[in-house]
Amino acid sequence: MNEQGVRDGLKESDESFQQDDWGDTLGAKEPEHRSAYHSDIWFWRITVVALAVIVLVALGGGIWLASLGKDIPEAVLALGATAVGALGGVVAGQR
């Protein structure tokens, strides 16, 4: 028997029994729920291509309007910035 067991008045068998109980209190781990598109490679490819096209159209449209001397609408800037953020989130969020 070790000193901790002697001080607490526990026997060796009581210590091992208490350690086994800790595993039961945690409960069973729930299975991870994922949508069907998480494993679908074509969904991710289409998403990345669509966001990239939106970024390129917004960028190209902004450059074209600026070369004509016109003001770039805030909607084009917002659309391009949102698509860049979404593209970064999709690419960085995959495991």
N, C-alpha and C. Protein backbone atom coordinates (compact mmCIF):
# COMPACT_ATOMS: atom_id res chain seq x y z
N MET A 1 0.84 -1.16 0.00
CA MET A 1 0.00 0.00 0.00
C MET A 1 0.90 1.24 0.00
N ASN A 2 0.56 2.26 -0.77
CA ASN A 2 1.39 3.46 -0.80
C ASN A 2 0.98 4.40 0.31
N GLU A 3 1.77 5.49 0.50
CA GLU A 3 1.51 6.42 1.61
C GLU A 3 0.17 7.12 1.47
N GLN A 4 -0.20 7.49 0.24
CA GLN A 4 -1.48 8.17 0.04
C GLN A 4 -2.63 7.27 0.46
N GLY A 5 -2.54 5.99 0.12
CA GLY A 5 -3.59 5.05 0.50
C GLY A 5 -3.65 4.84 2.00
N VAL A 6 -2.49 4.82 2.64
CA VAL A 6 -2.45 4.63 4.08
C VAL A 6 -3.03 5.87 4.77
N ARG A 7 -2.64 7.08 4.30
CA ARG A 7 -3.14 8.31 4.91
C ARG A 7 -4.65 8.45 4.77
N ASP A 8 -5.17 8.11 3.61
CA ASP A 8 -6.60 8.24 3.37
C ASP A 8 -7.40 7.05 3.89
N GLY A 9 -6.70 6.03 4.31
CA GLY A 9 -7.39 4.85 4.82
C GLY A 9 -7.95 3.99 3.69
N LEU A 10 -7.36 4.07 2.51
CA LEU A 10 -7.84 3.30 1.37
C LEU A 10 -6.97 2.09 1.14
N LYS A 11 -7.57 1.07 0.65
CA LYS A 11 -6.82 -0.11 0.25
C LYS A 11 -6.46 0.03 -1.21
N GLU A 12 -5.53 -0.76 -1.69
CA GLU A 12 -5.12 -0.75 -3.10
C GLU A 12 -6.32 -1.02 -4.01
N SER A 13 -7.17 -1.97 -3.64
CA SER A 13 -8.30 -2.31 -4.50
C SER A 13 -9.30 -1.15 -4.57
N ASP A 14 -9.44 -0.39 -3.47
CA ASP A 14 -10.35 0.76 -3.48
C ASP A 14 -9.85 1.84 -4.43
N GLU A 15 -8.52 2.06 -4.46
CA GLU A 15 -7.95 3.08 -5.35
C GLU A 15 -8.20 2.75 -6.81
N SER A 16 -7.97 1.51 -7.18
CA SER A 16 -8.18 1.14 -8.57
C SER A 16 -9.66 1.18 -8.94
N PHE A 17 -10.51 0.87 -7.98
CA PHE A 17 -11.94 0.94 -8.24
C PHE A 17 -12.38 2.38 -8.47
N GLN A 18 -11.85 3.32 -7.69
CA GLN A 18 -12.20 4.72 -7.86
C GLN A 18 -11.69 5.26 -9.20
N GLN A 19 -10.52 4.85 -9.62
CA GLN A 19 -9.99 5.30 -10.91
C GLN A 19 -10.85 4.79 -12.06
N ASP A 20 -11.37 3.58 -11.94
CA ASP A 20 -12.24 3.05 -12.98
C ASP A 20 -13.55 3.84 -13.06
N ASP A 21 -14.04 4.32 -11.93
CA ASP A 21 -15.28 5.08 -11.91
C ASP A 21 -15.17 6.39 -12.69
N TRP A 22 -14.00 7.00 -12.73
CA TRP A 22 -13.85 8.28 -13.42
C TRP A 22 -14.17 8.13 -14.91
N GLY A 23 -13.84 7.02 -15.51
CA GLY A 23 -14.15 6.82 -16.92
C GLY A 23 -15.64 6.75 -17.18
N ASP A 24 -16.39 6.21 -16.25
CA ASP A 24 -17.82 6.09 -16.42
C ASP A 24 -18.53 7.43 -16.30
N THR A 25 -17.99 8.37 -15.53
CA THR A 25 -18.66 9.65 -15.34
C THR A 25 -18.57 10.53 -16.58
N LEU A 26 -17.61 10.28 -17.44
CA LEU A 26 -17.46 11.10 -18.64
C LEU A 26 -18.54 10.79 -19.67
N GLY A 27 -19.07 9.63 -19.65
CA GLY A 27 -20.12 9.25 -20.59
C GLY A 27 -19.55 8.86 -21.94
N ALA A 28 -20.38 8.28 -22.74
CA ALA A 28 -19.96 7.86 -24.08
C ALA A 28 -19.85 9.08 -24.99
N LYS A 29 -18.87 9.06 -25.84
CA LYS A 29 -18.68 10.16 -26.78
C LYS A 29 -19.68 10.02 -27.92
N GLU A 30 -20.40 11.11 -28.19
CA GLU A 30 -21.41 11.09 -29.24
C GLU A 30 -20.72 11.08 -30.61
N PRO A 31 -21.31 10.38 -31.57
CA PRO A 31 -20.73 10.40 -32.92
C PRO A 31 -20.87 11.80 -33.52
N GLU A 32 -19.90 12.16 -34.34
CA GLU A 32 -19.90 13.47 -34.96
C GLU A 32 -20.91 13.49 -36.10
N HIS A 33 -21.82 14.46 -36.07
CA HIS A 33 -22.83 14.57 -37.10
C HIS A 33 -22.33 15.50 -38.19
N ARG A 34 -22.31 15.01 -39.41
CA ARG A 34 -21.86 15.80 -40.55
C ARG A 34 -22.89 15.70 -41.65
N SER A 35 -22.99 16.78 -42.40
CA SER A 35 -23.89 16.78 -43.55
C SER A 35 -23.28 15.95 -44.68
N ALA A 36 -24.11 15.60 -45.63
CA ALA A 36 -23.67 14.74 -46.72
C ALA A 36 -22.64 15.42 -47.61
N TYR A 37 -22.69 16.75 -47.72
CA TYR A 37 -21.77 17.43 -48.63
C TYR A 37 -20.35 17.52 -48.09
N HIS A 38 -20.09 17.18 -46.84
CA HIS A 38 -18.73 17.25 -46.31
C HIS A 38 -17.78 16.29 -47.03
N SER A 39 -18.28 15.17 -47.47
CA SER A 39 -17.43 14.20 -48.16
C SER A 39 -17.54 14.29 -49.68
N ASP A 40 -18.36 15.21 -50.18
CA ASP A 40 -18.57 15.35 -51.62
C ASP A 40 -17.54 16.31 -52.19
N ILE A 41 -16.56 15.79 -52.94
CA ILE A 41 -15.47 16.61 -53.47
C ILE A 41 -15.97 17.60 -54.52
N TRP A 42 -16.99 17.24 -55.27
CA TRP A 42 -17.50 18.14 -56.31
C TRP A 42 -18.19 19.35 -55.73
N PHE A 43 -18.82 19.21 -54.60
CA PHE A 43 -19.43 20.35 -53.93
C PHE A 43 -18.37 21.40 -53.60
N TRP A 44 -17.24 20.96 -53.06
CA TRP A 44 -16.18 21.88 -52.68
C TRP A 44 -15.52 22.50 -53.90
N ARG A 45 -15.34 21.71 -54.95
CA ARG A 45 -14.74 22.25 -56.17
C ARG A 45 -15.62 23.32 -56.80
N ILE A 46 -16.91 23.05 -56.87
CA ILE A 46 -17.85 24.03 -57.45
C ILE A 46 -17.90 25.29 -56.59
N THR A 47 -17.88 25.14 -55.28
CA THR A 47 -17.90 26.28 -54.38
C THR A 47 -16.67 27.15 -54.56
N VAL A 48 -15.50 26.54 -54.62
CA VAL A 48 -14.26 27.30 -54.79
C VAL A 48 -14.23 27.99 -56.14
N VAL A 49 -14.62 27.29 -57.20
CA VAL A 49 -14.62 27.90 -58.53
C VAL A 49 -15.62 29.06 -58.60
N ALA A 50 -16.82 28.89 -58.05
CA ALA A 50 -17.82 29.95 -58.08
C ALA A 50 -17.34 31.19 -57.32
N LEU A 51 -16.74 31.00 -56.15
CA LEU A 51 -16.23 32.14 -55.39
C LEU A 51 -15.07 32.81 -56.11
N ALA A 52 -14.21 32.02 -56.73
CA ALA A 52 -13.09 32.59 -57.49
C ALA A 52 -13.60 33.40 -58.68
N VAL A 53 -14.63 32.91 -59.35
CA VAL A 53 -15.20 33.65 -60.48
C VAL A 53 -15.80 34.97 -60.00
N ILE A 54 -16.48 34.96 -58.88
CA ILE A 54 -17.06 36.19 -58.34
C ILE A 54 -15.95 37.20 -58.01
N VAL A 55 -14.87 36.72 -57.41
CA VAL A 55 -13.74 37.60 -57.09
C VAL A 55 -13.16 38.20 -58.37
N LEU A 56 -12.95 37.37 -59.39
CA LEU A 56 -12.35 37.86 -60.64
C LEU A 56 -13.28 38.83 -61.37
N VAL A 57 -14.57 38.57 -61.39
CA VAL A 57 -15.52 39.47 -62.04
C VAL A 57 -15.57 40.81 -61.31
N ALA A 58 -15.60 40.77 -59.98
CA ALA A 58 -15.62 42.02 -59.20
C ALA A 58 -14.33 42.81 -59.41
N LEU A 59 -13.21 42.11 -59.42
CA LEU A 59 -11.92 42.77 -59.63
C LEU A 59 -11.82 43.34 -61.04
N GLY A 60 -12.17 42.52 -62.02
CA GLY A 60 -12.13 42.97 -63.41
C GLY A 60 -13.09 44.12 -63.67
N GLY A 61 -14.29 44.03 -63.11
CA GLY A 61 -15.27 45.09 -63.27
C GLY A 61 -14.82 46.39 -62.62
N GLY A 62 -14.21 46.28 -61.45
CA GLY A 62 -13.70 47.46 -60.77
C GLY A 62 -12.58 48.12 -61.55
N ILE A 63 -11.67 47.33 -62.09
CA ILE A 63 -10.57 47.87 -62.91
C ILE A 63 -11.12 48.49 -64.18
N TRP A 64 -12.07 47.85 -64.80
CA TRP A 64 -12.65 48.35 -66.05
C TRP A 64 -13.37 49.69 -65.82
N LEU A 65 -14.16 49.74 -64.73
CA LEU A 65 -14.85 51.00 -64.43
C LEU A 65 -13.87 52.11 -64.08
N ALA A 66 -12.82 51.78 -63.35
CA ALA A 66 -11.81 52.79 -63.01
C ALA A 66 -11.07 53.28 -64.24
N SER A 67 -10.82 52.38 -65.20
CA SER A 67 -10.12 52.81 -66.43
C SER A 67 -11.00 53.72 -67.28
N LEU A 68 -12.31 53.60 -67.14
CA LEU A 68 -13.23 54.48 -67.86
C LEU A 68 -13.44 55.81 -67.13
N GLY A 69 -12.87 55.94 -65.95
CA GLY A 69 -13.00 57.17 -65.18
C GLY A 69 -14.29 57.25 -64.38
N LYS A 70 -14.97 56.15 -64.22
CA LYS A 70 -16.22 56.14 -63.47
C LYS A 70 -15.96 55.67 -62.04
N ASP A 71 -16.89 56.02 -61.17
CA ASP A 71 -16.79 55.55 -59.78
C ASP A 71 -17.16 54.08 -59.70
N ILE A 72 -16.45 53.37 -58.83
CA ILE A 72 -16.74 51.95 -58.62
C ILE A 72 -17.85 51.86 -57.58
N PRO A 73 -18.96 51.22 -57.90
CA PRO A 73 -20.06 51.10 -56.92
C PRO A 73 -19.62 50.32 -55.68
N GLU A 74 -20.15 50.71 -54.55
CA GLU A 74 -19.80 50.02 -53.30
C GLU A 74 -20.26 48.58 -53.31
N ALA A 75 -21.30 48.29 -54.07
CA ALA A 75 -21.79 46.90 -54.15
C ALA A 75 -20.74 45.99 -54.79
N VAL A 76 -20.00 46.49 -55.78
CA VAL A 76 -18.95 45.68 -56.41
C VAL A 76 -17.83 45.43 -55.41
N LEU A 77 -17.46 46.46 -54.66
CA LEU A 77 -16.41 46.29 -53.64
C LEU A 77 -16.86 45.32 -52.55
N ALA A 78 -18.10 45.46 -52.10
CA ALA A 78 -18.61 44.57 -51.05
C ALA A 78 -18.71 43.14 -51.53
N LEU A 79 -19.17 42.97 -52.76
CA LEU A 79 -19.30 41.63 -53.32
C LEU A 79 -17.93 40.96 -53.45
N GLY A 80 -16.95 41.70 -53.96
CA GLY A 80 -15.60 41.15 -54.10
C GLY A 80 -14.97 40.83 -52.76
N ALA A 81 -15.11 41.72 -51.79
CA ALA A 81 -14.53 41.49 -50.47
C ALA A 81 -15.18 40.30 -49.77
N THR A 82 -16.48 40.19 -49.90
CA THR A 82 -17.19 39.06 -49.28
C THR A 82 -16.77 37.74 -49.93
N ALA A 83 -16.63 37.74 -51.24
CA ALA A 83 -16.22 36.51 -51.93
C ALA A 83 -14.80 36.11 -51.55
N VAL A 84 -13.91 37.10 -51.39
CA VAL A 84 -12.54 36.78 -50.95
C VAL A 84 -12.55 36.17 -49.56
N GLY A 85 -13.35 36.75 -48.65
CA GLY A 85 -13.45 36.20 -47.30
C GLY A 85 -14.03 34.81 -47.26
N ALA A 86 -15.07 34.60 -48.06
CA ALA A 86 -15.69 33.28 -48.13
C ALA A 86 -14.75 32.24 -48.72
N LEU A 87 -14.01 32.65 -49.74
CA LEU A 87 -13.05 31.74 -50.36
C LEU A 87 -11.96 31.35 -49.36
N GLY A 88 -11.48 32.33 -48.61
CA GLY A 88 -10.49 32.03 -47.58
C GLY A 88 -11.03 31.11 -46.51
N GLY A 89 -12.29 31.32 -46.13
CA GLY A 89 -12.90 30.46 -45.11
C GLY A 89 -13.11 29.04 -45.60
N VAL A 90 -13.49 28.89 -46.85
CA VAL A 90 -13.72 27.55 -47.41
C VAL A 90 -12.39 26.80 -47.53
N VAL A 91 -11.38 27.48 -48.03
CA VAL A 91 -10.09 26.81 -48.24
C VAL A 91 -9.42 26.50 -46.90
N ALA A 92 -9.46 27.42 -45.96
CA ALA A 92 -8.81 27.21 -44.66
C ALA A 92 -9.63 26.30 -43.76
N GLY A 93 -10.95 26.23 -43.98
CA GLY A 93 -11.81 25.44 -43.10
C GLY A 93 -11.82 23.96 -43.38
N GLN A 94 -11.28 23.52 -44.50
CA GLN A 94 -11.28 22.09 -44.82
C GLN A 94 -10.21 21.40 -44.02
N ARG A 95 -10.51 20.15 -43.65
CA ARG A 95 -9.54 19.38 -42.87
C ARG A 95 -8.76 18.48 -43.75
